[in-house]
Amino acid sequence: MGSNQRNGARDTNGAMSKKRYLLGLVMVLPLLVLAQAPSAPFNPPTLAVLEVNRPAHIEKATWLAMMQDPVHRSLYPLRVTQAMLDTLDGRLLDNRLRYELVRALAKPGKP
């Protein structure tokens, strides 16, 4: 037998591969729609950490709107101190944001 196919094997380059491609596409499309959906509002402990980390030259409403965007959430890690975690419940902080534990926050105008 000069054929590469075994008895009963299907041609993978034919209809089966098209079906698998369409099935994969149908499975991925809902994920793309969910990625574009607006995110839920931040809870009060997260808002408090966001307010402390807001740069002085950005207005509060602009900062909060900016941090709703997933790209900005990953670019701007929020700094928290042990005193903040003693005051706030760390379990309630929003997991969509990145946090860094620091000794103390820098004063505005000083590096």
Protein backbone atom coordinates (compact mmCIF):
# COMPACT_ATOMS: atom_id res chain seq x y z
CA MET A 1 0.00 0.00 0.00
CA GLY A 2 1.49 3.28 -1.08
CA SER A 3 -1.07 5.37 0.78
CA ASN A 4 -0.27 7.19 4.04
CA GLN A 5 -3.80 6.66 5.32
CA ARG A 6 -4.77 3.74 7.48
CA ASN A 7 -8.04 2.00 7.01
CA GLY A 8 -10.81 4.26 8.32
CA ALA A 9 -8.59 7.32 8.90
CA ARG A 10 -9.93 10.67 7.73
CA ASP A 11 -8.19 13.28 5.65
CA THR A 12 -7.08 16.04 8.06
CA ASN A 13 -6.73 18.58 5.28
CA GLY A 14 -10.35 18.34 4.25
CA ALA A 15 -13.68 18.94 5.91
CA MET A 16 -12.52 18.01 9.42
CA SER A 17 -9.94 20.79 9.60
CA LYS A 18 -12.51 23.34 8.42
CA LYS A 19 -14.93 22.16 11.10
CA ARG A 20 -12.24 22.44 13.77
CA TYR A 21 -11.32 25.91 12.58
CA LEU A 22 -14.95 27.08 12.71
CA LEU A 23 -15.44 25.47 16.12
CA GLY A 24 -12.36 27.25 17.44
CA LEU A 25 -13.55 30.54 15.99
CA VAL A 26 -16.98 30.13 17.58
CA MET A 27 -15.32 29.44 20.94
CA VAL A 28 -12.99 32.47 20.77
CA LEU A 29 -15.48 35.12 19.61
CA PRO A 30 -17.40 35.31 22.93
CA LEU A 31 -14.09 35.86 24.75
CA LEU A 32 -13.32 38.80 22.49
CA VAL A 33 -16.73 40.31 23.24
CA LEU A 34 -16.19 39.87 27.00
CA ALA A 35 -12.79 41.55 26.76
CA GLN A 36 -14.44 44.66 25.35
CA ALA A 37 -17.20 44.79 27.97
CA PRO A 38 -17.07 47.70 30.44
CA SER A 39 -15.63 46.74 33.80
CA ALA A 40 -17.45 46.88 37.11
CA PRO A 41 -16.96 49.96 39.30
CA PHE A 42 -14.28 49.90 41.98
CA ASN A 43 -15.25 49.12 45.58
CA PRO A 44 -14.60 51.62 48.45
CA PRO A 45 -11.26 50.17 49.69
CA THR A 46 -9.89 50.17 46.14
CA LEU A 47 -11.14 53.74 45.60
CA ALA A 48 -9.27 54.82 48.73
CA VAL A 49 -6.01 53.29 47.45
CA LEU A 50 -6.58 54.82 44.01
CA GLU A 51 -7.13 58.26 45.55
CA VAL A 52 -3.91 58.07 47.56
CA ASN A 53 -1.97 57.01 44.45
CA ARG A 54 -3.51 59.66 42.16
CA PRO A 55 -0.89 61.96 40.64
CA ALA A 56 -1.42 65.61 41.66
CA HIS A 57 -1.66 66.84 38.05
CA ILE A 58 -4.54 64.47 37.15
CA GLU A 59 -8.12 65.19 38.25
CA LYS A 60 -9.90 62.54 40.31
CA ALA A 61 -12.57 61.75 37.69
CA THR A 62 -9.95 61.47 34.93
CA TRP A 63 -7.77 59.21 37.07
CA LEU A 64 -10.63 56.86 37.95
CA ALA A 65 -11.79 56.70 34.32
CA MET A 66 -8.23 56.02 33.21
CA MET A 67 -7.78 53.20 35.72
CA GLN A 68 -10.91 51.47 34.42
CA ASP A 69 -8.91 50.70 31.26
CA PRO A 70 -7.06 47.35 31.59
CA VAL A 71 -3.96 48.74 29.87
CA HIS A 72 -3.57 51.50 32.47
CA ARG A 73 -4.20 49.07 35.32
CA SER A 74 -1.16 47.07 34.31
CA LEU A 75 1.03 50.14 33.62
CA TYR A 76 0.42 51.90 36.93
CA PRO A 77 0.97 49.63 39.94
CA LEU A 78 -0.60 51.04 43.10
CA ARG A 79 1.65 51.47 46.08
CA VAL A 80 0.29 50.43 49.47
CA THR A 81 1.90 50.66 52.88
CA GLN A 82 1.52 48.37 55.87
CA ALA A 83 -0.44 51.16 57.60
CA MET A 84 -2.93 51.18 54.72
CA LEU A 85 -3.34 47.41 54.97
CA ASP A 86 -3.86 47.75 58.74
CA THR A 87 -6.67 50.24 58.06
CA LEU A 88 -8.23 48.63 54.98
CA ASP A 89 -9.18 45.00 54.47
CA GLY A 90 -6.63 43.82 51.90
CA ARG A 91 -8.92 40.97 50.84
CA LEU A 92 -11.39 43.52 49.48
CA LEU A 93 -8.89 45.23 47.16
CA ASP A 94 -9.72 44.77 43.50
CA ASN A 95 -7.71 41.93 41.93
CA ARG A 96 -7.76 43.64 38.52
CA LEU A 97 -5.13 46.12 39.73
CA ARG A 98 -1.46 45.59 40.57
CA TYR A 99 -0.26 46.47 44.05
CA GLU A 100 3.24 47.02 45.44
CA LEU A 101 3.97 46.98 49.15
CA VAL A 102 6.27 49.90 50.01
CA ARG A 103 7.68 51.22 53.29
CA ALA A 104 6.27 54.74 52.81
CA LEU A 105 4.67 56.72 50.02
CA ALA A 106 6.73 59.48 48.46
CA LYS A 107 5.61 63.01 49.26
CA PRO A 108 4.18 65.00 46.33
CA GLY A 109 6.97 66.91 44.62
CA LYS A 110 9.71 64.60 45.98
CA PRO A 111 10.97 61.48 44.19
